[in-house]
Amino acid sequence: MARRISRGLVAVATATVAALALAGPASARSAATGAAGSVLPQARIFMVNPVQSSGDQSLTDGKDGNAAVPESAYTLAALRRLDASGTLSGRWATVRSETGGAARTADAGSYSRKDDRFEQVMAYFWVDEAQEYLQSLGFGSELPGANDRAQPVRINQWGADNSFFSDKKAEIRFGKGGVDDAEDAEVIVHEYGHAVHNAQVPGFGSSPEAGAIGEAFGDYLAVSVGAYADEAYGWPRRTDLACVGDWDSVEYSAAPHCLRRVDGNKVYADRVGEVHADGEIWSRALFDIRQALGARTAGRIIVNAQFGFRPDTSFQDAALTTVATAQRMYGADEADAVRAAFRARQIPGV
């Protein structure tokens, strides 16, 4: 049976030298070379998102207009692991659009947000970056791969303002409306989190609590990958790390804009039966584990534990599995820190 996992809050050729100069900070990693020293294609992207990199809470969508976003929100970064097709197809992501032409890698450094191909480039870059983050934690080498494959992604400019992962085709789809979803890296990576969960446990999310865990992990992965990229590329972050989707949510949230947060105060008794709302209980626990153990250790425990979840797992069973994973991987002190995070959310039986 097909299952669609919604993002939640539904709301609503080559660049010139001058353009490159305006593209924002670059790093040694952004100018990476490929096989035999070949220079990789450069992509014009947002540094996570314009609100996060600028700290400007007054930014609005402006009907996809270029003038709505400062040039300083863009940067150039290498498109890595591409195949030889000249399109956005590679080892860990394959992007296609249902509306308009396909982005070409040779032109990826010249697209801006008024061009729908900009979102195709964003989707490729950030899905690839998310899998690289998981690989950096050891998944796919010392630990089992977690969605270690070419993830199909579809951009649909005729669609609604909603994005989702569908397990029927194991595909991620990004919609439009207000700020188009694939303009915000945290929305892209959130949806990729659902694909990761489904790869680890096919059909994951078949109960309300499992669905909430899925939404929470998507939010946790979004902030984690954004922070990983900020550090690797030397990008600025001028908003709160715990805020998810600062840019996507500008049209339907009050400043400071957040789709959701991962540092809220909800506990198990606050469940309302809606997966995005209830996910804030679990995401706070994951964020506390990160704060206690550091990003790398926490990420390794959290993702590795998910291989032991059931499609309909409960908060209690998933928490106990995560504690046991911490004990097995690192020892008693780390297991105690994980247990404390879930106990602070008053999850029963932990």
C-alpha atoms as a PDB file:
ATOM      1  CA  MET A   1       0.000   0.000   0.000  1.00  0.00           C
ATOM      2  CA  ALA A   2       1.359   3.375  -0.982  1.00  0.00           C
ATOM      3  CA  ARG A   3       2.102   5.712   1.857  1.00  0.00           C
ATOM      4  CA  ARG A   4       2.833   9.416   1.578  1.00  0.00           C
ATOM      5  CA  ILE A   5       4.583  11.262   4.352  1.00  0.00           C
ATOM      6  CA  SER A   6       3.772  14.949   4.307  1.00  0.00           C
ATOM      7  CA  ARG A   7       6.136  17.751   5.257  1.00  0.00           C
ATOM      8  CA  GLY A   8       3.439  18.988   7.598  1.00  0.00           C
ATOM      9  CA  LEU A   9       2.634  22.682   7.737  1.00  0.00           C
ATOM     10  CA  VAL A  10       0.978  23.063   4.338  1.00  0.00           C
ATOM     11  CA  ALA A  11       0.704  26.729   3.445  1.00  0.00           C
ATOM     12  CA  VAL A  12      -0.146  27.977   2.065  1.00  0.00           C
ATOM     13  CA  ALA A  13      25.624  29.350 -19.618  1.00  0.00           C
ATOM     14  CA  THR A  14      28.126  29.355 -17.350  1.00  0.00           C
ATOM     15  CA  ALA A  15      28.245  32.249 -14.921  1.00  0.00           C
ATOM     16  CA  THR A  16      30.237  35.345 -15.748  1.00  0.00           C
ATOM     17  CA  VAL A  17      33.192  36.396 -13.617  1.00  0.00           C
ATOM     18  CA  ALA A  18      31.091  39.195 -12.136  1.00  0.00           C
ATOM     19  CA  ALA A  19      28.344  36.778 -11.145  1.00  0.00           C
ATOM     20  CA  LEU A  20      30.848  34.475  -9.511  1.00  0.00           C
ATOM     21  CA  ALA A  21      32.190  37.352  -7.450  1.00  0.00           C
ATOM     22  CA  LEU A  22      28.706  37.895  -6.010  1.00  0.00           C
ATOM     23  CA  ALA A  23      28.117  34.265  -5.227  1.00  0.00           C
ATOM     24  CA  GLY A  24      29.093  34.379  -1.576  1.00  0.00           C
ATOM     25  CA  PRO A  25      31.864  32.608   0.321  1.00  0.00           C
ATOM     26  CA  ALA A  26      33.554  29.607  -1.206  1.00  0.00           C
ATOM     27  CA  SER A  27      35.884  27.046   0.314  1.00  0.00           C
ATOM     28  CA  ALA A  28      38.491  24.524  -0.710  1.00  0.00           C
ATOM     29  CA  ARG A  29      35.788  21.888  -0.554  1.00  0.00           C
ATOM     30  CA  SER A  30      33.486  23.892  -2.863  1.00  0.00           C
ATOM     31  CA  ALA A  31      36.163  23.831  -5.564  1.00  0.00           C
ATOM     32  CA  ALA A  32      36.773  20.098  -5.222  1.00  0.00           C
ATOM     33  CA  THR A  33      38.248  18.141  -8.087  1.00  0.00           C
ATOM     34  CA  GLY A  34      37.137  14.825  -9.451  1.00  0.00           C
ATOM     35  CA  ALA A  35      38.914  11.882 -11.005  1.00  0.00           C
ATOM     36  CA  ALA A  36      42.290  12.614 -12.607  1.00  0.00           C
ATOM     37  CA  GLY A  37      42.143  16.158 -11.235  1.00  0.00           C
ATOM     38  CA  SER A  38      39.139  17.228 -13.318  1.00  0.00           C
ATOM     39  CA  VAL A  39      37.314  20.295 -12.017  1.00  0.00           C
ATOM     40  CA  LEU A  40      33.800  19.461 -10.866  1.00  0.00           C
ATOM     41  CA  PRO A  41      30.767  21.463 -12.094  1.00  0.00           C
ATOM     42  CA  GLN A  42      29.872  24.352  -9.800  1.00  0.00           C
ATOM     43  CA  ALA A  43      26.333  24.875  -8.520  1.00  0.00           C
ATOM     44  CA  ARG A  44      24.764  28.131  -7.412  1.00  0.00           C
ATOM     45  CA  ILE A  45      22.866  27.266  -4.241  1.00  0.00           C
ATOM     46  CA  PHE A  46      21.639  28.725  -0.983  1.00  0.00           C
ATOM     47  CA  MET A  47      23.812  28.273   2.092  1.00  0.00           C
ATOM     48  CA  VAL A  48      21.121  26.119   3.740  1.00  0.00           C
ATOM     49  CA  ASN A  49      18.565  28.922   3.316  1.00  0.00           C
ATOM     50  CA  PRO A  50      18.566  32.731   3.012  1.00  0.00           C
ATOM     51  CA  VAL A  51      17.077  33.431   6.441  1.00  0.00           C
ATOM     52  CA  GLN A  52      19.563  31.188   8.198  1.00  0.00           C
ATOM     53  CA  SER A  53      22.637  32.562   6.455  1.00  0.00           C
ATOM     54  CA  SER A  54      21.597  36.228   6.700  1.00  0.00           C
ATOM     55  CA  GLY A  55      19.650  36.318   9.962  1.00  0.00           C
ATOM     56  CA  ASP A  56      17.122  38.579   8.199  1.00  0.00           C
ATOM     57  CA  GLN A  57      13.652  37.630   9.436  1.00  0.00           C
ATOM     58  CA  SER A  58      12.000  40.205   7.161  1.00  0.00           C
ATOM     59  CA  LEU A  59      12.695  38.267   3.954  1.00  0.00           C
ATOM     60  CA  THR A  60       9.617  37.159   2.005  1.00  0.00           C
ATOM     61  CA  ASP A  61       9.068  35.060  -1.091  1.00  0.00           C
ATOM     62  CA  GLY A  62       8.331  37.954  -3.435  1.00  0.00           C
ATOM     63  CA  LYS A  63       6.687  35.623  -5.974  1.00  0.00           C
ATOM     64  CA  ASP A  64       9.951  33.821  -6.681  1.00  0.00           C
ATOM     65  CA  GLY A  65      11.610  37.110  -7.578  1.00  0.00           C
ATOM     66  CA  ASN A  66      15.364  37.424  -7.502  1.00  0.00           C
ATOM     67  CA  ALA A  67      15.165  40.812  -5.780  1.00  0.00           C
ATOM     68  CA  ALA A  68      13.562  39.202  -2.701  1.00  0.00           C
ATOM     69  CA  VAL A  69      16.822  37.483  -1.736  1.00  0.00           C
ATOM     70  CA  PRO A  70      20.221  39.162  -1.364  1.00  0.00           C
ATOM     71  CA  GLU A  71      23.073  37.957  -3.556  1.00  0.00           C
ATOM     72  CA  SER A  72      24.977  37.159  -0.372  1.00  0.00           C
ATOM     73  CA  ALA A  73      22.563  34.276   0.304  1.00  0.00           C
ATOM     74  CA  TYR A  74      23.985  32.362  -2.666  1.00  0.00           C
ATOM     75  CA  THR A  75      27.256  30.525  -2.918  1.00  0.00           C
ATOM     76  CA  LEU A  76      29.009  28.244  -5.378  1.00  0.00           C
ATOM     77  CA  ALA A  77      29.745  24.646  -4.435  1.00  0.00           C
ATOM     78  CA  ALA A  78      30.843  21.611  -6.386  1.00  0.00           C
ATOM     79  CA  LEU A  79      28.351  19.089  -7.685  1.00  0.00           C
ATOM     80  CA  ARG A  80      29.934  15.780  -6.800  1.00  0.00           C
ATOM     81  CA  ARG A  81      29.396  12.137  -7.732  1.00  0.00           C
ATOM     82  CA  LEU A  82      27.622  12.977 -11.014  1.00  0.00           C
ATOM     83  CA  ASP A  83      27.410  10.485 -13.847  1.00  0.00           C
ATOM     84  CA  ALA A  84      28.387  11.403 -17.404  1.00  0.00           C
ATOM     85  CA  SER A  85      24.884  12.370 -18.582  1.00  0.00           C
ATOM     86  CA  GLY A  86      25.300  16.140 -18.134  1.00  0.00           C
ATOM     87  CA  THR A  87      22.124  16.166 -16.021  1.00  0.00           C
ATOM     88  CA  LEU A  88      21.503  16.029 -12.276  1.00  0.00           C
ATOM     89  CA  SER A  89      22.037  12.311 -11.984  1.00  0.00           C
ATOM     90  CA  GLY A  90      24.654  10.684  -9.807  1.00  0.00           C
ATOM     91  CA  ARG A  91      25.584   8.107  -7.238  1.00  0.00           C
ATOM     92  CA  TRP A  92      23.239   9.278  -4.493  1.00  0.00           C
ATOM     93  CA  ALA A  93      20.579  11.383  -6.260  1.00  0.00           C
ATOM     94  CA  THR A  94      18.677  11.557  -9.534  1.00  0.00           C
ATOM     95  CA  VAL A  95      16.553  14.652 -10.087  1.00  0.00           C
ATOM     96  CA  ARG A  96      13.909  15.242 -12.718  1.00  0.00           C
ATOM     97  CA  SER A  97      11.309  17.949 -13.215  1.00  0.00           C
ATOM     98  CA  GLU A  98       7.709  17.549 -14.326  1.00  0.00           C
ATOM     99  CA  THR A  99       7.553  21.186 -15.390  1.00  0.00           C
ATOM    100  CA  GLY A 100      10.046  23.033 -17.557  1.00  0.00           C
ATOM    101  CA  GLY A 101      13.396  21.925 -18.841  1.00  0.00           C
ATOM    102  CA  ALA A 102      15.945  19.797 -17.075  1.00  0.00           C
ATOM    103  CA  ALA A 103      18.856  21.586 -15.419  1.00  0.00           C
ATOM    104  CA  ARG A 104      22.223  21.007 -17.076  1.00  0.00           C
ATOM    105  CA  THR A 105      25.294  20.606 -14.945  1.00  0.00           C
ATOM    106  CA  ALA A 106      27.248  22.904 -17.265  1.00  0.00           C
ATOM    107  CA  ASP A 107      24.840  25.733 -16.394  1.00  0.00           C
ATOM    108  CA  ALA A 108      24.282  24.942 -12.719  1.00  0.00           C
ATOM    109  CA  GLY A 109      26.377  27.888 -11.595  1.00  0.00           C
ATOM    110  CA  SER A 110      24.131  30.416 -13.314  1.00  0.00           C
ATOM    111  CA  TYR A 111      20.579  29.602 -12.146  1.00  0.00           C
ATOM    112  CA  SER A 112      18.817  31.884  -9.659  1.00  0.00           C
ATOM    113  CA  ARG A 113      15.606  31.312  -7.745  1.00  0.00           C
ATOM    114  CA  LYS A 114      13.289  32.770 -10.419  1.00  0.00           C
ATOM    115  CA  ASP A 115      14.379  29.863 -12.628  1.00  0.00           C
ATOM    116  CA  ASP A 116      12.754  26.546 -11.695  1.00  0.00           C
ATOM    117  CA  ARG A 117      16.003  24.787 -12.530  1.00  0.00           C
ATOM    118  CA  PHE A 118      17.526  26.374  -9.422  1.00  0.00           C
ATOM    119  CA  GLU A 119      15.369  24.073  -7.303  1.00  0.00           C
ATOM    120  CA  GLN A 120      16.529  21.043  -9.253  1.00  0.00           C
ATOM    121  CA  VAL A 121      20.127  21.987  -8.479  1.00  0.00           C
ATOM    122  CA  MET A 122      19.298  22.572  -4.801  1.00  0.00           C
ATOM    123  CA  ALA A 123      17.623  19.174  -4.576  1.00  0.00           C
ATOM    124  CA  TYR A 124      20.605  17.356  -6.092  1.00  0.00           C
ATOM    125  CA  PHE A 125      23.195  19.144  -3.999  1.00  0.00           C
ATOM    126  CA  TRP A 126      21.417  18.705  -0.672  1.00  0.00           C
ATOM    127  CA  VAL A 127      20.356  15.080  -1.143  1.00  0.00           C
ATOM    128  CA  ASP A 128      23.955  14.290  -2.071  1.00  0.00           C
ATOM    129  CA  GLU A 129      25.192  16.280   0.936  1.00  0.00           C
ATOM    130  CA  ALA A 130      22.814  14.443   3.270  1.00  0.00           C
ATOM    131  CA  GLN A 131      24.096  11.047   2.159  1.00  0.00           C
ATOM    132  CA  GLU A 132      27.666  12.290   2.451  1.00  0.00           C
ATOM    133  CA  TYR A 133      26.893  13.251   6.046  1.00  0.00           C
ATOM    134  CA  LEU A 134      25.637   9.727   6.755  1.00  0.00           C
ATOM    135  CA  GLN A 135      28.717   8.272   5.083  1.00  0.00           C
ATOM    136  CA  SER A 136      30.893  10.501   7.284  1.00  0.00           C
ATOM    137  CA  LEU A 137      29.309   8.788  10.301  1.00  0.00           C
ATOM    138  CA  GLY A 138      30.382   5.398   8.969  1.00  0.00           C
ATOM    139  CA  PHE A 139      27.146   4.286   7.311  1.00  0.00           C
ATOM    140  CA  GLY A 140      28.050   2.436   4.154  1.00  0.00           C
ATOM    141  CA  SER A 141      31.508   1.456   5.427  1.00  0.00           C
ATOM    142  CA  GLU A 142      31.936   0.258   9.016  1.00  0.00           C
ATOM    143  CA  LEU A 143      28.159   0.369   9.558  1.00  0.00           C
ATOM    144  CA  PRO A 144      25.349  -0.731   7.202  1.00  0.00           C
ATOM    145  CA  GLY A 145      24.417   1.715   4.457  1.00  0.00           C
ATOM    146  CA  ALA A 146      21.438   3.969   5.197  1.00  0.00           C
ATOM    147  CA  ASN A 147      19.743   4.704   1.849  1.00  0.00           C
ATOM    148  CA  ASP A 148      23.123   4.290   0.160  1.00  0.00           C
ATOM    149  CA  ARG A 149      21.692   4.476  -3.372  1.00  0.00           C
ATOM    150  CA  ALA A 150      20.589   6.935  -6.042  1.00  0.00           C
ATOM    151  CA  GLN A 151      17.540   8.612  -4.501  1.00  0.00           C
ATOM    152  CA  PRO A 152      14.864   9.563  -7.079  1.00  0.00           C
ATOM    153  CA  VAL A 153      13.683  13.167  -6.640  1.00  0.00           C
ATOM    154  CA  ARG A 154      10.939  14.895  -8.592  1.00  0.00           C
ATOM    155  CA  ILE A 155      10.291  18.654  -8.757  1.00  0.00           C
ATOM    156  CA  ASN A 156       6.672  19.526  -9.552  1.00  0.00           C
ATOM    157  CA  GLN A 157       5.996  23.225 -10.104  1.00  0.00           C
ATOM    158  CA  TRP A 158       2.316  22.553 -10.788  1.00  0.00           C
ATOM    159  CA  GLY A 159       1.821  20.860  -7.461  1.00  0.00           C
ATOM    160  CA  ALA A 160       0.580  22.006  -4.077  1.00  0.00           C
ATOM    161  CA  ASP A 161       2.662  23.611  -1.348  1.00  0.00           C
ATOM    162  CA  ASN A 162       3.595  20.272   0.109  1.00  0.00           C
ATOM    163  CA  SER A 163       6.439  17.809  -0.182  1.00  0.00           C
ATOM    164  CA  PHE A 164       6.506  14.140   0.657  1.00  0.00           C
ATOM    165  CA  PHE A 165       8.226  10.799   0.348  1.00  0.00           C
ATOM    166  CA  SER A 166       6.196   8.033  -1.273  1.00  0.00           C
ATOM    167  CA  ASP A 167       7.230   4.463  -0.581  1.00  0.00           C
ATOM    168  CA  LYS A 168       5.380   3.263  -3.691  1.00  0.00           C
ATOM    169  CA  LYS A 169       8.289   4.460  -5.833  1.00  0.00           C
ATOM    170  CA  ALA A 170      10.682   5.277  -2.982  1.00  0.00           C
ATOM    171  CA  GLU A 171      10.602   8.799  -4.434  1.00  0.00           C
ATOM    172  CA  ILE A 172      10.746  12.275  -2.917  1.00  0.00           C
ATOM    173  CA  ARG A 173       8.546  14.990  -4.457  1.00  0.00           C
ATOM    174  CA  PHE A 174       8.832  18.725  -3.859  1.00  0.00           C
ATOM    175  CA  GLY A 175       5.960  21.141  -4.459  1.00  0.00           C
ATOM    176  CA  LYS A 176       5.555  24.882  -4.789  1.00  0.00           C
ATOM    177  CA  GLY A 177       3.643  27.784  -3.266  1.00  0.00           C
ATOM    178  CA  GLY A 178       4.932  30.622  -1.120  1.00  0.00           C
ATOM    179  CA  VAL A 179       8.615  29.742  -0.847  1.00  0.00           C
ATOM    180  CA  ASP A 180       8.927  26.707  -3.091  1.00  0.00           C
ATOM    181  CA  ASP A 181       9.938  23.782  -0.933  1.00  0.00           C
ATOM    182  CA  ALA A 182      13.182  22.858  -2.689  1.00  0.00           C
ATOM    183  CA  GLU A 183      14.562  26.358  -2.025  1.00  0.00           C
ATOM    184  CA  ASP A 184      15.092  25.407   1.625  1.00  0.00           C
ATOM    185  CA  ALA A 185      17.770  22.794   2.298  1.00  0.00           C
ATOM    186  CA  GLU A 186      16.163  21.826   5.591  1.00  0.00           C
ATOM    187  CA  VAL A 187      12.922  20.866   3.832  1.00  0.00           C
ATOM    188  CA  ILE A 188      14.902  18.858   1.278  1.00  0.00           C
ATOM    189  CA  VAL A 189      16.833  16.994   3.968  1.00  0.00           C
ATOM    190  CA  HIS A 190      13.729  16.468   6.114  1.00  0.00           C
ATOM    191  CA  GLU A 191      12.102  14.566   3.259  1.00  0.00           C
ATOM    192  CA  TYR A 192      15.322  12.660   2.684  1.00  0.00           C
ATOM    193  CA  GLY A 193      15.052  11.543   6.315  1.00  0.00           C
ATOM    194  CA  HIS A 194      11.849   9.685   5.428  1.00  0.00           C
ATOM    195  CA  ALA A 195      13.663   7.945   2.582  1.00  0.00           C
ATOM    196  CA  VAL A 196      16.422   6.911   4.998  1.00  0.00           C
ATOM    197  CA  HIS A 197      13.922   5.489   7.467  1.00  0.00           C
ATOM    198  CA  ASN A 198      12.112   3.551   4.740  1.00  0.00           C
ATOM    199  CA  ALA A 199      15.403   2.140   3.445  1.00  0.00           C
ATOM    200  CA  GLN A 200      16.306   0.974   6.943  1.00  0.00           C
ATOM    201  CA  VAL A 201      12.841  -0.395   7.792  1.00  0.00           C
ATOM    202  CA  PRO A 202      10.544  -0.815   4.753  1.00  0.00           C
ATOM    203  CA  GLY A 203       7.098   0.596   5.462  1.00  0.00           C
ATOM    204  CA  PHE A 204       8.295   2.555   8.485  1.00  0.00           C
ATOM    205  CA  GLY A 205       5.694   4.843  10.032  1.00  0.00           C
ATOM    206  CA  SER A 206       2.647   2.584  10.019  1.00  0.00           C
ATOM    207  CA  SER A 207       1.465   3.650  13.495  1.00  0.00           C
ATOM    208  CA  PRO A 208       0.901   7.149  14.890  1.00  0.00           C
ATOM    209  CA  GLU A 209       3.942   6.985  17.175  1.00  0.00           C
ATOM    210  CA  ALA A 210       6.180   5.560  14.454  1.00  0.00           C
ATOM    211  CA  GLY A 211       4.948   8.314  12.129  1.00  0.00           C
ATOM    212  CA  ALA A 212       5.865  10.908  14.750  1.00  0.00           C
ATOM    213  CA  ILE A 213       9.336   9.369  15.116  1.00  0.00           C
ATOM    214  CA  GLY A 214       9.734   9.663  11.336  1.00  0.00           C
ATOM    215  CA  GLU A 215       8.859  13.351  11.343  1.00  0.00           C
ATOM    216  CA  ALA A 216      11.192  13.942  14.282  1.00  0.00           C
ATOM    217  CA  PHE A 217      14.107  12.194  12.633  1.00  0.00           C
ATOM    218  CA  GLY A 218      13.546  14.228   9.444  1.00  0.00           C
ATOM    219  CA  ASP A 219      13.806  17.431  11.472  1.00  0.00           C
ATOM    220  CA  TYR A 220      16.855  16.183  13.379  1.00  0.00           C
ATOM    221  CA  LEU A 221      18.602  15.145  10.167  1.00  0.00           C
ATOM    222  CA  ALA A 222      17.792  18.524   8.585  1.00  0.00           C
ATOM    223  CA  VAL A 223      19.495  20.545  11.309  1.00  0.00           C
ATOM    224  CA  SER A 224      22.375  18.069  11.524  1.00  0.00           C
ATOM    225  CA  VAL A 225      23.168  18.154   7.804  1.00  0.00           C
ATOM    226  CA  GLY A 226      22.844  21.946   7.740  1.00  0.00           C
ATOM    227  CA  ALA A 227      25.312  22.244  10.621  1.00  0.00           C
ATOM    228  CA  TYR A 228      27.650  19.724   8.953  1.00  0.00           C
ATOM    229  CA  ALA A 229      27.660  21.764   5.728  1.00  0.00           C
ATOM    230  CA  ASP A 230      28.103  25.084   7.549  1.00  0.00           C
ATOM    231  CA  GLU A 231      31.208  23.731   9.250  1.00  0.00           C
ATOM    232  CA  ALA A 232      32.621  22.035   6.161  1.00  0.00           C
ATOM    233  CA  TYR A 233      32.155  25.035   3.869  1.00  0.00           C
ATOM    234  CA  GLY A 234      32.668  27.822   6.394  1.00  0.00           C
ATOM    235  CA  TRP A 235      29.189  29.237   5.843  1.00  0.00           C
ATOM    236  CA  PRO A 236      27.554  31.654   8.320  1.00  0.00           C
ATOM    237  CA  ARG A 237      24.595  30.569  10.443  1.00  0.00           C
ATOM    238  CA  ARG A 238      22.791  33.531  11.972  1.00  0.00           C
ATOM    239  CA  THR A 239      19.646  31.861  13.275  1.00  0.00           C
ATOM    240  CA  ASP A 240      19.022  29.268  15.947  1.00  0.00           C
ATOM    241  CA  LEU A 241      20.201  25.752  15.050  1.00  0.00           C
ATOM    242  CA  ALA A 242      17.088  24.236  16.627  1.00  0.00           C
ATOM    243  CA  CYS A 243      14.794  26.075  14.196  1.00  0.00           C
ATOM    244  CA  VAL A 244      13.793  23.993  11.154  1.00  0.00           C
ATOM    245  CA  GLY A 245      12.779  25.523   7.813  1.00  0.00           C
ATOM    246  CA  ASP A 246      13.410  29.215   8.557  1.00  0.00           C
ATOM    247  CA  TRP A 247      12.995  30.181   4.893  1.00  0.00           C
ATOM    248  CA  ASP A 248      10.189  27.854   3.841  1.00  0.00           C
ATOM    249  CA  SER A 249       8.008  29.080   6.703  1.00  0.00           C
ATOM    250  CA  VAL A 250       8.266  32.859   6.176  1.00  0.00           C
ATOM    251  CA  GLU A 251       4.836  33.036   4.516  1.00  0.00           C
ATOM    252  CA  TYR A 252       2.936  31.263   7.306  1.00  0.00           C
ATOM    253  CA  SER A 253       4.765  31.795  10.603  1.00  0.00           C
ATOM    254  CA  ALA A 254       5.593  34.728  12.823  1.00  0.00           C
ATOM    255  CA  ALA A 255       9.188  35.867  13.207  1.00  0.00           C
ATOM    256  CA  PRO A 256      11.483  34.289  14.136  1.00  0.00           C
ATOM    257  CA  HIS A 257      10.240  31.958  11.410  1.00  0.00           C
ATOM    258  CA  CYS A 258      10.346  28.198  12.029  1.00  0.00           C
ATOM    259  CA  LEU A 259       8.503  25.309  10.430  1.00  0.00           C
ATOM    260  CA  ARG A 260       9.112  23.425  13.673  1.00  0.00           C
ATOM    261  CA  ARG A 261      11.702  23.352  16.446  1.00  0.00           C
ATOM    262  CA  VAL A 262      13.732  20.501  17.902  1.00  0.00           C
ATOM    263  CA  ASP A 263      14.204  22.052  21.355  1.00  0.00           C
ATOM    264  CA  GLY A 264      10.615  22.314  22.572  1.00  0.00           C
ATOM    265  CA  ASN A 265       9.311  21.250  25.967  1.00  0.00           C
ATOM    266  CA  LYS A 266       6.660  18.702  25.019  1.00  0.00           C
ATOM    267  CA  VAL A 267       6.492  15.430  26.926  1.00  0.00           C
ATOM    268  CA  TYR A 268       4.784  12.120  26.212  1.00  0.00           C
ATOM    269  CA  ALA A 269       1.530  13.207  27.886  1.00  0.00           C
ATOM    270  CA  ASP A 270       1.274  16.109  25.407  1.00  0.00           C
ATOM    271  CA  ARG A 271       0.561  13.793  22.435  1.00  0.00           C
ATOM    272  CA  VAL A 272      -2.358  14.938  20.277  1.00  0.00           C
ATOM    273  CA  GLY A 273      -2.345  12.222  17.616  1.00  0.00           C
ATOM    274  CA  GLU A 274      -0.846  14.375  14.842  1.00  0.00           C
ATOM    275  CA  VAL A 275       2.531  13.128  13.692  1.00  0.00           C
ATOM    276  CA  HIS A 276       4.242  16.479  13.184  1.00  0.00           C
ATOM    277  CA  ALA A 277       3.089  17.853  16.525  1.00  0.00           C
ATOM    278  CA  ASP A 278       3.918  14.658  18.395  1.00  0.00           C
ATOM    279  CA  GLY A 279       7.237  14.415  16.588  1.00  0.00           C
ATOM    280  CA  GLU A 280       8.434  17.414  18.586  1.00  0.00           C
ATOM    281  CA  ILE A 281       8.553  15.151  21.646  1.00  0.00           C
ATOM    282  CA  TRP A 282      10.954  12.736  19.966  1.00  0.00           C
ATOM    283  CA  SER A 283      13.029  15.373  18.174  1.00  0.00           C
ATOM    284  CA  ARG A 284      13.745  17.127  21.490  1.00  0.00           C
ATOM    285  CA  ALA A 285      15.087  13.844  22.849  1.00  0.00           C
ATOM    286  CA  LEU A 286      17.323  13.434  19.786  1.00  0.00           C
ATOM    287  CA  PHE A 287      18.542  17.020  20.105  1.00  0.00           C
ATOM    288  CA  ASP A 288      19.331  16.475  23.789  1.00  0.00           C
ATOM    289  CA  ILE A 289      21.359  13.370  22.887  1.00  0.00           C
ATOM    290  CA  ARG A 290      23.297  15.498  20.412  1.00  0.00           C
ATOM    291  CA  GLN A 291      23.911  18.149  23.059  1.00  0.00           C
ATOM    292  CA  ALA A 292      25.079  15.544  25.583  1.00  0.00           C
ATOM    293  CA  LEU A 293      27.272  13.355  23.367  1.00  0.00           C
ATOM    294  CA  GLY A 294      28.262  15.590  20.462  1.00  0.00           C
ATOM    295  CA  ALA A 295      27.006  15.549  16.905  1.00  0.00           C
ATOM    296  CA  ARG A 296      29.029  12.611  15.604  1.00  0.00           C
ATOM    297  CA  THR A 297      28.463  10.147  18.457  1.00  0.00           C
ATOM    298  CA  ALA A 298      24.793  11.069  18.682  1.00  0.00           C
ATOM    299  CA  GLY A 299      24.274  10.696  14.933  1.00  0.00           C
ATOM    300  CA  ARG A 300      25.911   7.281  14.867  1.00  0.00           C
ATOM    301  CA  ILE A 301      23.761   6.014  17.735  1.00  0.00           C
ATOM    302  CA  ILE A 302      20.498   7.528  16.503  1.00  0.00           C
ATOM    303  CA  VAL A 303      20.768   6.297  12.915  1.00  0.00           C
ATOM    304  CA  ASN A 304      22.166   2.869  13.807  1.00  0.00           C
ATOM    305  CA  ALA A 305      19.381   2.266  16.314  1.00  0.00           C
ATOM    306  CA  GLN A 306      16.777   2.763  13.597  1.00  0.00           C
ATOM    307  CA  PHE A 307      17.786  -0.499  11.906  1.00  0.00           C
ATOM    308  CA  GLY A 308      16.223  -2.207  14.938  1.00  0.00           C
ATOM    309  CA  PHE A 309      12.870  -0.405  14.791  1.00  0.00           C
ATOM    310  CA  ARG A 310       9.631  -2.004  13.580  1.00  0.00           C
ATOM    311  CA  PRO A 311       7.407  -0.272  10.973  1.00  0.00           C
ATOM    312  CA  ASP A 312       4.879   0.418  13.756  1.00  0.00           C
ATOM    313  CA  THR A 313       7.311   0.933  16.628  1.00  0.00           C
ATOM    314  CA  SER A 314       6.206   2.794  19.727  1.00  0.00           C
ATOM    315  CA  PHE A 315       8.072   5.598  21.470  1.00  0.00           C
ATOM    316  CA  GLN A 316       8.876   3.207  24.319  1.00  0.00           C
ATOM    317  CA  ASP A 317      10.275   0.430  22.143  1.00  0.00           C
ATOM    318  CA  ALA A 318      12.253   2.827  19.940  1.00  0.00           C
ATOM    319  CA  ALA A 319      13.713   4.556  22.999  1.00  0.00           C
ATOM    320  CA  LEU A 320      14.773   1.259  24.550  1.00  0.00           C
ATOM    321  CA  THR A 321      16.338   0.181  21.261  1.00  0.00           C
ATOM    322  CA  THR A 322      18.274   3.438  21.076  1.00  0.00           C
ATOM    323  CA  VAL A 323      19.543   3.053  24.647  1.00  0.00           C
ATOM    324  CA  ALA A 324      20.656  -0.513  23.907  1.00  0.00           C
ATOM    325  CA  THR A 325      22.407   0.658  20.744  1.00  0.00           C
ATOM    326  CA  ALA A 326      24.324   3.298  22.687  1.00  0.00           C
ATOM    327  CA  GLN A 327      25.365   0.677  25.236  1.00  0.00           C
ATOM    328  CA  ARG A 328      26.540  -1.725  22.522  1.00  0.00           C
ATOM    329  CA  MET A 329      28.414   0.893  20.498  1.00  0.00           C
ATOM    330  CA  TYR A 330      29.971   3.003  23.265  1.00  0.00           C
ATOM    331  CA  GLY A 331      29.205   1.828  26.766  1.00  0.00           C
ATOM    332  CA  ALA A 332      27.347   2.671  29.956  1.00  0.00           C
ATOM    333  CA  ASP A 333      27.977   6.411  30.131  1.00  0.00           C
ATOM    334  CA  GLU A 334      26.609   7.019  26.631  1.00  0.00           C
ATOM    335  CA  ALA A 335      23.650   4.726  27.274  1.00  0.00           C
ATOM    336  CA  ASP A 336      22.868   6.668  30.446  1.00  0.00           C
ATOM    337  CA  ALA A 337      22.912   9.961  28.506  1.00  0.00           C
ATOM    338  CA  VAL A 338      20.519   8.564  25.905  1.00  0.00           C
ATOM    339  CA  ARG A 339      18.227   7.171  28.605  1.00  0.00           C
ATOM    340  CA  ALA A 340      18.189  10.541  30.377  1.00  0.00           C
ATOM    341  CA  ALA A 341      17.091  12.304  27.189  1.00  0.00           C
ATOM    342  CA  PHE A 342      14.099  10.002  26.760  1.00  0.00           C
ATOM    343  CA  ARG A 343      13.221  10.105  30.453  1.00  0.00           C
ATOM    344  CA  ALA A 344      13.152  13.912  30.270  1.00  0.00           C
ATOM    345  CA  ARG A 345      10.379  13.496  27.668  1.00  0.00           C
ATOM    346  CA  GLN A 346       8.607  11.218  30.169  1.00  0.00           C
ATOM    347  CA  ILE A 347       8.447   8.321  27.743  1.00  0.00           C
ATOM    348  CA  PRO A 348       7.099   5.416  29.801  1.00  0.00           C
ATOM    349  CA  GLY A 349       9.153   2.336  30.544  1.00  0.00           C
ATOM    350  CA  VAL A 350      12.551   3.857  29.773  1.00  0.00           C
END
